[in-house]
Amino acid sequence: MRRGWIFAVVFFLIASLPIDPEGSEWKGLSGKEIVEGAESNIRGQNHYGVYKMVVHTPSWERTLSLEAWDDRTNNRAFIKINAPPKDKDTLFLKISNNLWMFIPNLEKVVKIPPSMMLQPWMGSDFNNDDLVKESSLIHDYTHRVAGVEKIDQQDALQIELLPKPDAAVVWGKILYWVMPDEFIPLREQFFDEKGRLIKDLRFSEVKSTGGRKIPTLYRMVPTGKEGRHTLLMIETVKFNQKFDESIFSMKNLKRGR
């Protein structure tokens, strides 16, 4: 009887181990293809979106309204802050891994240096790196299907992303959970080089919008800052639009509008 009990426990533990080999697949899809599928689903080849961001702390709360033009095909983006009044017409231009900001009060364009990539973006729990990391997720990391977990009562594949040796990235590891049948991301965790969890991103309120099924609420929670989080809500999104080339230009950024 005891021997049978031990065998049952060992069998359970073995069955519970994560999917093992580097480059392992799920129904013929590699970890990289699953991450690429999730990113393509929520971003398309390009998209235009209107968003509301709420930064919540134990002592104050702040709400921003913004528009974003995201050209994923050419790895560029343009963001305009519309509210509150003190931040109105603050602009951001991303081209590849470069990021510039127009400060309306100073009527000045500044480039965000690599040393500031981990700084908060507009006082939120998202940081500057979140604006430039999307293509990096695909090209600068190796991807491994690490296992299957329940996330918000949904079966999700956990993909482990580790930086390539020469990649100029800020994270030592990223864990990405995806519902693979529909390429819907559910969770993303960011770790430093010492393996410490720095922030936790949850995707929720999955809806059919813009002609596809995507999460419409992002909740970023930093580690060690109790009572603090940032919500990013999609109000409107249109995928695969034809953008005017002038949008993604320094001239447009310097106009301040």
C-alpha atoms as a PDB file:
ATOM      1  CA  MET A   1       0.000   0.000   0.000  1.00  0.00           C
ATOM      2  CA  ARG A   2       2.773   2.418   0.946  1.00  0.00           C
ATOM      3  CA  ARG A   3       4.710   1.580  -2.224  1.00  0.00           C
ATOM      4  CA  GLY A   4       1.612   2.257  -4.318  1.00  0.00           C
ATOM      5  CA  TRP A   5       1.076   5.615  -2.590  1.00  0.00           C
ATOM      6  CA  ILE A   6       4.678   6.646  -3.255  1.00  0.00           C
ATOM      7  CA  PHE A   7       4.327   5.638  -6.939  1.00  0.00           C
ATOM      8  CA  ALA A   8       1.161   7.741  -7.246  1.00  0.00           C
ATOM      9  CA  VAL A   9       2.888  10.809  -5.743  1.00  0.00           C
ATOM     10  CA  VAL A  10       5.921  10.423  -8.031  1.00  0.00           C
ATOM     11  CA  PHE A  11       3.654  10.031 -11.068  1.00  0.00           C
ATOM     12  CA  PHE A  12       1.750  13.199 -10.110  1.00  0.00           C
ATOM     13  CA  LEU A  13       4.948  15.184  -9.680  1.00  0.00           C
ATOM     14  CA  ILE A  14       6.304  14.035 -13.041  1.00  0.00           C
ATOM     15  CA  ALA A  15       3.000  14.831 -14.765  1.00  0.00           C
ATOM     16  CA  SER A  16       3.040  18.304 -13.213  1.00  0.00           C
ATOM     17  CA  LEU A  17       6.485  19.238 -14.533  1.00  0.00           C
ATOM     18  CA  PRO A  18       6.511  22.016 -17.145  1.00  0.00           C
ATOM     19  CA  ILE A  19       7.086  21.249 -20.804  1.00  0.00           C
ATOM     20  CA  ASP A  20      10.799  20.781 -20.918  1.00  0.00           C
ATOM     21  CA  PRO A  21      13.014  21.178 -23.968  1.00  0.00           C
ATOM     22  CA  GLU A  22      14.309  24.469 -25.367  1.00  0.00           C
ATOM     23  CA  GLY A  23      12.330  25.310 -28.467  1.00  0.00           C
ATOM     24  CA  SER A  24       9.481  23.021 -27.378  1.00  0.00           C
ATOM     25  CA  GLU A  25       6.247  23.356 -29.291  1.00  0.00           C
ATOM     26  CA  TRP A  26       2.506  23.455 -28.722  1.00  0.00           C
ATOM     27  CA  LYS A  27       0.513  21.935 -31.574  1.00  0.00           C
ATOM     28  CA  GLY A  28       3.399  22.660 -33.939  1.00  0.00           C
ATOM     29  CA  LEU A  29       3.871  26.265 -32.771  1.00  0.00           C
ATOM     30  CA  SER A  30       7.108  27.358 -31.127  1.00  0.00           C
ATOM     31  CA  GLY A  31       7.259  29.740 -28.176  1.00  0.00           C
ATOM     32  CA  LYS A  32       8.400  32.502 -30.510  1.00  0.00           C
ATOM     33  CA  GLU A  33       5.452  31.929 -32.842  1.00  0.00           C
ATOM     34  CA  ILE A  34       3.011  32.057 -29.925  1.00  0.00           C
ATOM     35  CA  VAL A  35       4.436  35.369 -28.654  1.00  0.00           C
ATOM     36  CA  GLU A  36       4.420  36.739 -32.197  1.00  0.00           C
ATOM     37  CA  GLY A  37       0.797  35.607 -32.599  1.00  0.00           C
ATOM     38  CA  ALA A  38      -0.258  37.375 -29.397  1.00  0.00           C
ATOM     39  CA  GLU A  39       1.555  40.592 -30.316  1.00  0.00           C
ATOM     40  CA  SER A  40       0.084  40.509 -33.829  1.00  0.00           C
ATOM     41  CA  ASN A  41      -3.408  39.986 -32.429  1.00  0.00           C
ATOM     42  CA  ILE A  42      -3.381  42.947 -30.058  1.00  0.00           C
ATOM     43  CA  ARG A  43      -1.464  45.295 -32.375  1.00  0.00           C
ATOM     44  CA  GLY A  44      -2.110  44.198 -35.972  1.00  0.00           C
ATOM     45  CA  GLN A  45       0.214  45.417 -38.717  1.00  0.00           C
ATOM     46  CA  ASN A  46      -0.641  48.837 -37.355  1.00  0.00           C
ATOM     47  CA  HIS A  47      -3.422  50.438 -35.367  1.00  0.00           C
ATOM     48  CA  TYR A  48      -4.836  53.717 -34.159  1.00  0.00           C
ATOM     49  CA  GLY A  49      -6.224  53.812 -30.634  1.00  0.00           C
ATOM     50  CA  VAL A  50      -7.797  56.121 -28.065  1.00  0.00           C
ATOM     51  CA  TYR A  51      -6.943  55.215 -24.479  1.00  0.00           C
ATOM     52  CA  LYS A  52      -7.576  56.232 -20.892  1.00  0.00           C
ATOM     53  CA  MET A  53      -4.878  55.678 -18.293  1.00  0.00           C
ATOM     54  CA  VAL A  54      -5.529  55.798 -14.546  1.00  0.00           C
ATOM     55  CA  VAL A  55      -2.564  55.929 -12.173  1.00  0.00           C
ATOM     56  CA  HIS A  56      -3.629  54.909  -8.664  1.00  0.00           C
ATOM     57  CA  THR A  57      -1.623  55.277  -5.454  1.00  0.00           C
ATOM     58  CA  PRO A  58      -2.682  55.172  -1.778  1.00  0.00           C
ATOM     59  CA  SER A  59      -2.592  58.977  -1.617  1.00  0.00           C
ATOM     60  CA  TRP A  60      -3.666  60.202  -5.059  1.00  0.00           C
ATOM     61  CA  GLU A  61      -5.109  59.219  -8.429  1.00  0.00           C
ATOM     62  CA  ARG A  62      -4.429  60.666 -11.847  1.00  0.00           C
ATOM     63  CA  THR A  63      -6.209  60.159 -15.188  1.00  0.00           C
ATOM     64  CA  LEU A  64      -4.779  60.726 -18.649  1.00  0.00           C
ATOM     65  CA  SER A  65      -6.407  60.595 -22.073  1.00  0.00           C
ATOM     66  CA  LEU A  66      -4.257  59.836 -25.079  1.00  0.00           C
ATOM     67  CA  GLU A  67      -4.164  58.834 -28.726  1.00  0.00           C
ATOM     68  CA  ALA A  68      -1.629  56.481 -30.286  1.00  0.00           C
ATOM     69  CA  TRP A  69      -0.631  55.660 -33.855  1.00  0.00           C
ATOM     70  CA  ASP A  70       1.272  52.371 -33.801  1.00  0.00           C
ATOM     71  CA  ASP A  71       2.987  51.256 -37.028  1.00  0.00           C
ATOM     72  CA  ARG A  72       4.246  47.816 -36.050  1.00  0.00           C
ATOM     73  CA  THR A  73       5.378  46.928 -39.575  1.00  0.00           C
ATOM     74  CA  ASN A  74       7.941  49.740 -39.577  1.00  0.00           C
ATOM     75  CA  ASN A  75       8.592  49.709 -35.798  1.00  0.00           C
ATOM     76  CA  ARG A  76       7.453  53.235 -35.063  1.00  0.00           C
ATOM     77  CA  ALA A  77       4.759  54.993 -33.042  1.00  0.00           C
ATOM     78  CA  PHE A  78       3.381  58.425 -32.245  1.00  0.00           C
ATOM     79  CA  ILE A  79       1.544  59.255 -29.006  1.00  0.00           C
ATOM     80  CA  LYS A  80      -0.376  62.411 -28.108  1.00  0.00           C
ATOM     81  CA  ILE A  81      -1.591  63.288 -24.606  1.00  0.00           C
ATOM     82  CA  ASN A  82      -4.949  65.101 -24.675  1.00  0.00           C
ATOM     83  CA  ALA A  83      -5.699  65.433 -20.943  1.00  0.00           C
ATOM     84  CA  PRO A  84      -5.279  66.575 -18.209  1.00  0.00           C
ATOM     85  CA  PRO A  85      -4.750  70.207 -19.285  1.00  0.00           C
ATOM     86  CA  LYS A  86      -1.268  70.489 -17.756  1.00  0.00           C
ATOM     87  CA  ASP A  87      -0.055  67.568 -19.917  1.00  0.00           C
ATOM     88  CA  LYS A  88      -2.075  68.360 -23.034  1.00  0.00           C
ATOM     89  CA  ASP A  89      -0.049  68.196 -26.271  1.00  0.00           C
ATOM     90  CA  THR A  90       2.824  66.272 -24.722  1.00  0.00           C
ATOM     91  CA  LEU A  91       3.998  64.107 -27.613  1.00  0.00           C
ATOM     92  CA  PHE A  92       6.143  61.008 -28.060  1.00  0.00           C
ATOM     93  CA  LEU A  93       7.781  59.690 -31.197  1.00  0.00           C
ATOM     94  CA  LYS A  94       9.275  56.210 -31.337  1.00  0.00           C
ATOM     95  CA  ILE A  95      11.388  55.039 -34.266  1.00  0.00           C
ATOM     96  CA  SER A  96      12.955  51.618 -33.770  1.00  0.00           C
ATOM     97  CA  ASN A  97      14.565  51.706 -30.308  1.00  0.00           C
ATOM     98  CA  ASN A  98      14.762  55.507 -30.248  1.00  0.00           C
ATOM     99  CA  LEU A  99      12.306  57.611 -28.267  1.00  0.00           C
ATOM    100  CA  TRP A 100      11.745  61.382 -28.305  1.00  0.00           C
ATOM    101  CA  MET A 101       9.410  63.556 -26.244  1.00  0.00           C
ATOM    102  CA  PHE A 102       7.963  67.002 -26.979  1.00  0.00           C
ATOM    103  CA  ILE A 103       7.458  69.079 -23.807  1.00  0.00           C
ATOM    104  CA  PRO A 104       4.832  71.755 -24.592  1.00  0.00           C
ATOM    105  CA  ASN A 105       5.645  74.048 -21.647  1.00  0.00           C
ATOM    106  CA  LEU A 106       9.228  74.338 -22.863  1.00  0.00           C
ATOM    107  CA  GLU A 107       8.383  73.966 -26.552  1.00  0.00           C
ATOM    108  CA  LYS A 108      11.302  71.581 -26.688  1.00  0.00           C
ATOM    109  CA  VAL A 109      12.058  68.099 -28.034  1.00  0.00           C
ATOM    110  CA  VAL A 110      14.229  65.843 -25.882  1.00  0.00           C
ATOM    111  CA  LYS A 111      15.544  62.380 -26.667  1.00  0.00           C
ATOM    112  CA  ILE A 112      15.009  59.747 -23.976  1.00  0.00           C
ATOM    113  CA  PRO A 113      18.450  58.126 -23.400  1.00  0.00           C
ATOM    114  CA  PRO A 114      18.879  54.367 -22.803  1.00  0.00           C
ATOM    115  CA  SER A 115      19.692  55.089 -19.147  1.00  0.00           C
ATOM    116  CA  MET A 116      16.116  56.360 -18.654  1.00  0.00           C
ATOM    117  CA  MET A 117      14.274  53.414 -20.217  1.00  0.00           C
ATOM    118  CA  LEU A 118      13.184  52.147 -16.791  1.00  0.00           C
ATOM    119  CA  GLN A 119      11.870  55.536 -15.688  1.00  0.00           C
ATOM    120  CA  PRO A 120       8.071  55.857 -15.245  1.00  0.00           C
ATOM    121  CA  TRP A 121       6.175  56.949 -18.328  1.00  0.00           C
ATOM    122  CA  MET A 122       4.006  60.009 -17.517  1.00  0.00           C
ATOM    123  CA  GLY A 123       4.150  59.120 -13.810  1.00  0.00           C
ATOM    124  CA  SER A 124       2.590  55.701 -14.373  1.00  0.00           C
ATOM    125  CA  ASP A 125       3.733  52.154 -13.582  1.00  0.00           C
ATOM    126  CA  PHE A 126       4.511  51.629 -17.244  1.00  0.00           C
ATOM    127  CA  ASN A 127       7.979  52.819 -18.170  1.00  0.00           C
ATOM    128  CA  ASN A 128       9.691  54.259 -21.225  1.00  0.00           C
ATOM    129  CA  ASP A 129      10.897  50.809 -22.233  1.00  0.00           C
ATOM    130  CA  ASP A 130       7.277  49.662 -22.597  1.00  0.00           C
ATOM    131  CA  LEU A 131       6.987  52.060 -25.543  1.00  0.00           C
ATOM    132  CA  VAL A 132       9.909  50.527 -27.428  1.00  0.00           C
ATOM    133  CA  LYS A 133       9.973  46.887 -26.317  1.00  0.00           C
ATOM    134  CA  GLU A 134       7.325  45.291 -28.515  1.00  0.00           C
ATOM    135  CA  SER A 135       9.540  44.293 -31.441  1.00  0.00           C
ATOM    136  CA  SER A 136      12.274  43.478 -28.943  1.00  0.00           C
ATOM    137  CA  LEU A 137      10.073  40.739 -27.479  1.00  0.00           C
ATOM    138  CA  ILE A 138      10.354  38.885 -30.765  1.00  0.00           C
ATOM    139  CA  HIS A 139      13.907  39.591 -31.859  1.00  0.00           C
ATOM    140  CA  ASP A 140      15.967  40.112 -28.700  1.00  0.00           C
ATOM    141  CA  TYR A 141      14.859  37.091 -26.655  1.00  0.00           C
ATOM    142  CA  THR A 142      14.840  33.322 -26.920  1.00  0.00           C
ATOM    143  CA  HIS A 143      11.433  31.725 -26.318  1.00  0.00           C
ATOM    144  CA  ARG A 144      10.552  28.496 -24.543  1.00  0.00           C
ATOM    145  CA  VAL A 145       7.153  26.946 -23.892  1.00  0.00           C
ATOM    146  CA  ALA A 146       7.568  26.398 -20.153  1.00  0.00           C
ATOM    147  CA  GLY A 147       4.215  24.896 -19.179  1.00  0.00           C
ATOM    148  CA  VAL A 148       0.458  25.248 -18.912  1.00  0.00           C
ATOM    149  CA  GLU A 149      -1.239  27.214 -16.124  1.00  0.00           C
ATOM    150  CA  LYS A 150      -4.654  28.520 -15.160  1.00  0.00           C
ATOM    151  CA  ILE A 151      -4.835  32.292 -15.457  1.00  0.00           C
ATOM    152  CA  ASP A 152      -8.175  33.794 -14.447  1.00  0.00           C
ATOM    153  CA  GLN A 153      -9.713  30.333 -14.890  1.00  0.00           C
ATOM    154  CA  GLN A 154      -8.379  30.094 -18.445  1.00  0.00           C
ATOM    155  CA  ASP A 155      -5.827  27.567 -19.700  1.00  0.00           C
ATOM    156  CA  ALA A 156      -2.745  29.501 -20.790  1.00  0.00           C
ATOM    157  CA  LEU A 157       0.683  28.591 -22.091  1.00  0.00           C
ATOM    158  CA  GLN A 158       3.554  30.107 -20.158  1.00  0.00           C
ATOM    159  CA  ILE A 159       6.344  31.297 -22.455  1.00  0.00           C
ATOM    160  CA  GLU A 160       9.733  32.050 -20.911  1.00  0.00           C
ATOM    161  CA  LEU A 161      11.709  34.802 -22.648  1.00  0.00           C
ATOM    162  CA  LEU A 162      15.437  35.083 -21.944  1.00  0.00           C
ATOM    163  CA  PRO A 163      17.612  37.819 -23.510  1.00  0.00           C
ATOM    164  CA  LYS A 164      20.037  36.858 -26.230  1.00  0.00           C
ATOM    165  CA  PRO A 165      23.713  37.348 -25.228  1.00  0.00           C
ATOM    166  CA  ASP A 166      24.267  40.609 -27.126  1.00  0.00           C
ATOM    167  CA  ALA A 167      20.749  42.050 -26.845  1.00  0.00           C
ATOM    168  CA  ALA A 168      20.465  45.567 -25.417  1.00  0.00           C
ATOM    169  CA  VAL A 169      17.455  44.912 -23.183  1.00  0.00           C
ATOM    170  CA  VAL A 170      16.557  45.944 -19.644  1.00  0.00           C
ATOM    171  CA  TRP A 171      14.965  42.697 -18.400  1.00  0.00           C
ATOM    172  CA  GLY A 172      16.738  39.570 -17.240  1.00  0.00           C
ATOM    173  CA  LYS A 173      13.642  37.450 -17.925  1.00  0.00           C
ATOM    174  CA  ILE A 174      10.042  37.854 -19.040  1.00  0.00           C
ATOM    175  CA  LEU A 175       7.219  35.377 -18.485  1.00  0.00           C
ATOM    176  CA  TYR A 176       4.318  35.664 -20.922  1.00  0.00           C
ATOM    177  CA  TRP A 177       1.011  33.757 -20.578  1.00  0.00           C
ATOM    178  CA  VAL A 178      -1.106  33.336 -23.726  1.00  0.00           C
ATOM    179  CA  MET A 179      -4.396  31.609 -24.616  1.00  0.00           C
ATOM    180  CA  PRO A 180      -2.884  29.966 -27.697  1.00  0.00           C
ATOM    181  CA  ASP A 181      -6.077  29.033 -29.551  1.00  0.00           C
ATOM    182  CA  GLU A 182      -6.932  32.712 -30.049  1.00  0.00           C
ATOM    183  CA  PHE A 183      -3.542  34.290 -29.291  1.00  0.00           C
ATOM    184  CA  ILE A 184      -4.942  36.309 -26.394  1.00  0.00           C
ATOM    185  CA  PRO A 185      -2.341  37.445 -23.823  1.00  0.00           C
ATOM    186  CA  LEU A 186      -3.419  37.100 -20.193  1.00  0.00           C
ATOM    187  CA  ARG A 187      -0.377  38.004 -18.140  1.00  0.00           C
ATOM    188  CA  GLU A 188       3.204  39.256 -18.391  1.00  0.00           C
ATOM    189  CA  GLN A 189       5.841  39.404 -15.658  1.00  0.00           C
ATOM    190  CA  PHE A 190       9.132  41.281 -15.790  1.00  0.00           C
ATOM    191  CA  PHE A 191      12.252  40.246 -13.854  1.00  0.00           C
ATOM    192  CA  ASP A 192      15.599  41.958 -13.375  1.00  0.00           C
ATOM    193  CA  GLU A 193      18.999  40.345 -13.991  1.00  0.00           C
ATOM    194  CA  LYS A 194      18.991  38.896 -10.459  1.00  0.00           C
ATOM    195  CA  GLY A 195      15.670  37.133 -11.042  1.00  0.00           C
ATOM    196  CA  ARG A 196      13.609  39.525  -8.912  1.00  0.00           C
ATOM    197  CA  LEU A 197      10.043  40.246 -10.029  1.00  0.00           C
ATOM    198  CA  ILE A 198       9.752  43.977 -10.806  1.00  0.00           C
ATOM    199  CA  LYS A 199       6.243  44.320 -12.202  1.00  0.00           C
ATOM    200  CA  ASP A 200       3.227  42.248 -13.147  1.00  0.00           C
ATOM    201  CA  LEU A 201       0.933  43.050 -16.085  1.00  0.00           C
ATOM    202  CA  ARG A 202      -2.564  41.536 -16.295  1.00  0.00           C
ATOM    203  CA  PHE A 203      -4.747  41.618 -19.421  1.00  0.00           C
ATOM    204  CA  SER A 204      -8.525  41.359 -18.984  1.00  0.00           C
ATOM    205  CA  GLU A 205     -11.977  42.376 -20.277  1.00  0.00           C
ATOM    206  CA  VAL A 206     -11.553  40.465 -23.522  1.00  0.00           C
ATOM    207  CA  LYS A 207     -13.958  41.835 -26.128  1.00  0.00           C
ATOM    208  CA  SER A 208     -14.545  41.801 -29.862  1.00  0.00           C
ATOM    209  CA  THR A 209     -13.446  45.239 -31.001  1.00  0.00           C
ATOM    210  CA  GLY A 210     -11.813  46.576 -34.121  1.00  0.00           C
ATOM    211  CA  GLY A 211     -12.709  43.341 -35.872  1.00  0.00           C
ATOM    212  CA  ARG A 212     -10.793  41.051 -33.503  1.00  0.00           C
ATOM    213  CA  LYS A 213     -10.950  39.579 -30.006  1.00  0.00           C
ATOM    214  CA  ILE A 214      -8.517  41.312 -27.664  1.00  0.00           C
ATOM    215  CA  PRO A 215      -8.130  42.334 -24.006  1.00  0.00           C
ATOM    216  CA  THR A 216      -9.276  45.932 -23.482  1.00  0.00           C
ATOM    217  CA  LEU A 217      -7.952  46.481 -19.954  1.00  0.00           C
ATOM    218  CA  TYR A 218      -4.272  46.343 -18.911  1.00  0.00           C
ATOM    219  CA  ARG A 219      -3.401  46.437 -15.197  1.00  0.00           C
ATOM    220  CA  MET A 220       0.255  47.028 -14.304  1.00  0.00           C
ATOM    221  CA  VAL A 221       1.273  46.388 -10.691  1.00  0.00           C
ATOM    222  CA  PRO A 222       4.805  47.192  -9.471  1.00  0.00           C
ATOM    223  CA  THR A 223       6.435  44.929  -6.896  1.00  0.00           C
ATOM    224  CA  GLY A 224       6.939  46.314  -3.397  1.00  0.00           C
ATOM    225  CA  LYS A 225       4.620  49.317  -3.820  1.00  0.00           C
ATOM    226  CA  GLU A 226       1.477  48.306  -1.975  1.00  0.00           C
ATOM    227  CA  GLY A 227      -1.719  49.993  -3.110  1.00  0.00           C
ATOM    228  CA  ARG A 228      -0.217  51.252  -6.368  1.00  0.00           C
ATOM    229  CA  HIS A 229      -1.205  50.227  -9.890  1.00  0.00           C
ATOM    230  CA  THR A 230      -1.891  51.656 -13.342  1.00  0.00           C
ATOM    231  CA  LEU A 231      -4.876  50.845 -15.552  1.00  0.00           C
ATOM    232  CA  LEU A 232      -4.750  51.295 -19.322  1.00  0.00           C
ATOM    233  CA  MET A 233      -8.162  51.077 -20.997  1.00  0.00           C
ATOM    234  CA  ILE A 234      -8.812  50.856 -24.731  1.00  0.00           C
ATOM    235  CA  GLU A 235     -11.704  53.137 -25.655  1.00  0.00           C
ATOM    236  CA  THR A 236     -11.411  52.934 -29.444  1.00  0.00           C
ATOM    237  CA  VAL A 237      -9.137  50.929 -31.714  1.00  0.00           C
ATOM    238  CA  LYS A 238      -8.867  50.576 -35.486  1.00  0.00           C
ATOM    239  CA  PHE A 239      -6.494  48.036 -36.990  1.00  0.00           C
ATOM    240  CA  ASN A 240      -4.503  48.004 -40.229  1.00  0.00           C
ATOM    241  CA  GLN A 241      -5.086  51.630 -41.103  1.00  0.00           C
ATOM    242  CA  LYS A 242      -3.351  53.623 -43.822  1.00  0.00           C
ATOM    243  CA  PHE A 243      -1.234  56.212 -42.009  1.00  0.00           C
ATOM    244  CA  ASP A 244       0.110  59.433 -43.422  1.00  0.00           C
ATOM    245  CA  GLU A 245       3.917  59.185 -43.422  1.00  0.00           C
ATOM    246  CA  SER A 246       4.166  62.664 -41.901  1.00  0.00           C
ATOM    247  CA  ILE A 247       2.772  61.358 -38.591  1.00  0.00           C
ATOM    248  CA  PHE A 248       6.026  59.591 -37.754  1.00  0.00           C
ATOM    249  CA  SER A 249       8.352  62.509 -38.361  1.00  0.00           C
ATOM    250  CA  MET A 250      10.464  64.850 -36.269  1.00  0.00           C
ATOM    251  CA  LYS A 251       8.690  67.717 -38.036  1.00  0.00           C
ATOM    252  CA  ASN A 252       5.350  66.514 -36.682  1.00  0.00           C
ATOM    253  CA  LEU A 253       6.850  66.114 -33.208  1.00  0.00           C
ATOM    254  CA  LYS A 254       8.336  69.618 -33.228  1.00  0.00           C
ATOM    255  CA  ARG A 255       5.050  71.159 -34.234  1.00  0.00           C
ATOM    256  CA  GLY A 256       3.773  70.276 -30.800  1.00  0.00           C
ATOM    257  CA  ARG A 257       0.330  69.227 -32.024  1.00  0.00           C
END
